[in-house]
Amino acid sequence: MQRFRDWQNERRIRRLADKLKAAHAAGDRILARFYWRLMVDAINTRSARQIERMDRHIMERIRNA
């Protein structure tokens, strides 16, 4: 169940990042900052196991490079 919640959170982070980029490209700094704050909050709510999985994945990519 936790992996599903982690997956949902990562999807939310990606959607917020896309909205942040669009607002920034449109020159709407206030909206971009709003999306940035939401994205930071979502990143900070990652579970410890999600962070471990991400770290493990990054280390595998470094070793295989």
C-alpha atoms as a PDB file:
ATOM      1  CA  MET A   1       0.000   0.000   0.000  1.00  0.00           C
ATOM      2  CA  GLN A   2       2.853   2.396   0.802  1.00  0.00           C
ATOM      3  CA  ARG A   3       4.396   1.879  -2.632  1.00  0.00           C
ATOM      4  CA  PHE A   4       1.102   2.914  -4.223  1.00  0.00           C
ATOM      5  CA  ARG A   5       1.013   6.084  -2.120  1.00  0.00           C
ATOM      6  CA  ASP A   6       4.638   6.776  -3.041  1.00  0.00           C
ATOM      7  CA  TRP A   7       3.782   6.314  -6.716  1.00  0.00           C
ATOM      8  CA  GLN A   8       0.854   8.742  -6.393  1.00  0.00           C
ATOM      9  CA  ASN A   9       3.086  11.284  -4.676  1.00  0.00           C
ATOM     10  CA  GLU A  10       5.722  11.015  -7.424  1.00  0.00           C
ATOM     11  CA  ARG A  11       3.019  11.550 -10.067  1.00  0.00           C
ATOM     12  CA  ARG A  12       1.862  14.626  -8.164  1.00  0.00           C
ATOM     13  CA  ILE A  13       5.424  15.961  -8.038  1.00  0.00           C
ATOM     14  CA  ARG A  14       5.824  15.469 -11.810  1.00  0.00           C
ATOM     15  CA  ARG A  15       2.500  17.211 -12.527  1.00  0.00           C
ATOM     16  CA  LEU A  16       3.449  20.134 -10.294  1.00  0.00           C
ATOM     17  CA  ALA A  17       6.849  20.373 -12.000  1.00  0.00           C
ATOM     18  CA  ASP A  18       5.129  20.559 -15.391  1.00  0.00           C
ATOM     19  CA  LYS A  19       2.774  23.279 -14.145  1.00  0.00           C
ATOM     20  CA  LEU A  20       5.710  25.155 -12.622  1.00  0.00           C
ATOM     21  CA  LYS A  21       7.588  25.088 -15.941  1.00  0.00           C
ATOM     22  CA  ALA A  22       4.516  26.260 -17.855  1.00  0.00           C
ATOM     23  CA  ALA A  23       3.856  29.130 -15.445  1.00  0.00           C
ATOM     24  CA  HIS A  24       7.510  30.155 -15.561  1.00  0.00           C
ATOM     25  CA  ALA A  25       7.551  30.055 -19.372  1.00  0.00           C
ATOM     26  CA  ALA A  26       4.406  32.191 -19.435  1.00  0.00           C
ATOM     27  CA  GLY A  27       6.106  34.746 -17.188  1.00  0.00           C
ATOM     28  CA  ASP A  28       3.671  34.282 -14.312  1.00  0.00           C
ATOM     29  CA  ARG A  29       6.102  34.431 -11.406  1.00  0.00           C
ATOM     30  CA  ILE A  30       3.435  34.373  -8.699  1.00  0.00           C
ATOM     31  CA  LEU A  31       1.811  31.221 -10.062  1.00  0.00           C
ATOM     32  CA  ALA A  32       5.241  29.635 -10.631  1.00  0.00           C
ATOM     33  CA  ARG A  33       6.185  30.293  -7.019  1.00  0.00           C
ATOM     34  CA  PHE A  34       2.859  28.820  -5.875  1.00  0.00           C
ATOM     35  CA  TYR A  35       3.533  25.594  -7.818  1.00  0.00           C
ATOM     36  CA  TRP A  36       7.127  25.527  -6.585  1.00  0.00           C
ATOM     37  CA  ARG A  37       5.934  25.685  -2.961  1.00  0.00           C
ATOM     38  CA  LEU A  38       3.438  22.864  -3.546  1.00  0.00           C
ATOM     39  CA  MET A  39       6.167  20.808  -5.206  1.00  0.00           C
ATOM     40  CA  VAL A  40       8.574  21.349  -2.299  1.00  0.00           C
ATOM     41  CA  ASP A  41       5.885  20.275   0.159  1.00  0.00           C
ATOM     42  CA  ALA A  42       5.188  17.131  -1.891  1.00  0.00           C
ATOM     43  CA  ILE A  43       8.906  16.311  -2.062  1.00  0.00           C
ATOM     44  CA  ASN A  44       9.227  16.725   1.702  1.00  0.00           C
ATOM     45  CA  THR A  45       6.409  14.226   2.296  1.00  0.00           C
ATOM     46  CA  ARG A  46       8.252  11.372   0.553  1.00  0.00           C
ATOM     47  CA  SER A  47       8.377   8.278   2.729  1.00  0.00           C
ATOM     48  CA  ALA A  48      11.694   6.970   4.026  1.00  0.00           C
ATOM     49  CA  ARG A  49      11.290   3.796   1.953  1.00  0.00           C
ATOM     50  CA  GLN A  50      10.691   5.847  -1.192  1.00  0.00           C
ATOM     51  CA  ILE A  51      13.898   7.773  -0.573  1.00  0.00           C
ATOM     52  CA  GLU A  52      15.771   4.487  -0.046  1.00  0.00           C
ATOM     53  CA  ARG A  53      14.432   3.130  -3.350  1.00  0.00           C
ATOM     54  CA  MET A  54      15.407   6.324  -5.149  1.00  0.00           C
ATOM     55  CA  ASP A  55      18.911   6.270  -3.652  1.00  0.00           C
ATOM     56  CA  ARG A  56      19.350   2.622  -4.591  1.00  0.00           C
ATOM     57  CA  HIS A  57      18.226   3.345  -8.159  1.00  0.00           C
ATOM     58  CA  ILE A  58      20.597   6.307  -8.474  1.00  0.00           C
ATOM     59  CA  MET A  59      23.546   4.273  -7.163  1.00  0.00           C
ATOM     60  CA  GLU A  60      22.805   1.480  -9.654  1.00  0.00           C
ATOM     61  CA  ARG A  61      22.796   3.994 -12.500  1.00  0.00           C
ATOM     62  CA  ILE A  62      26.123   5.426 -11.346  1.00  0.00           C
ATOM     63  CA  ARG A  63      27.704   1.972 -11.110  1.00  0.00           C
ATOM     64  CA  ASN A  64      26.442   1.007 -14.573  1.00  0.00           C
ATOM     65  CA  ALA A  65      27.626   4.221 -16.227  1.00  0.00           C
END
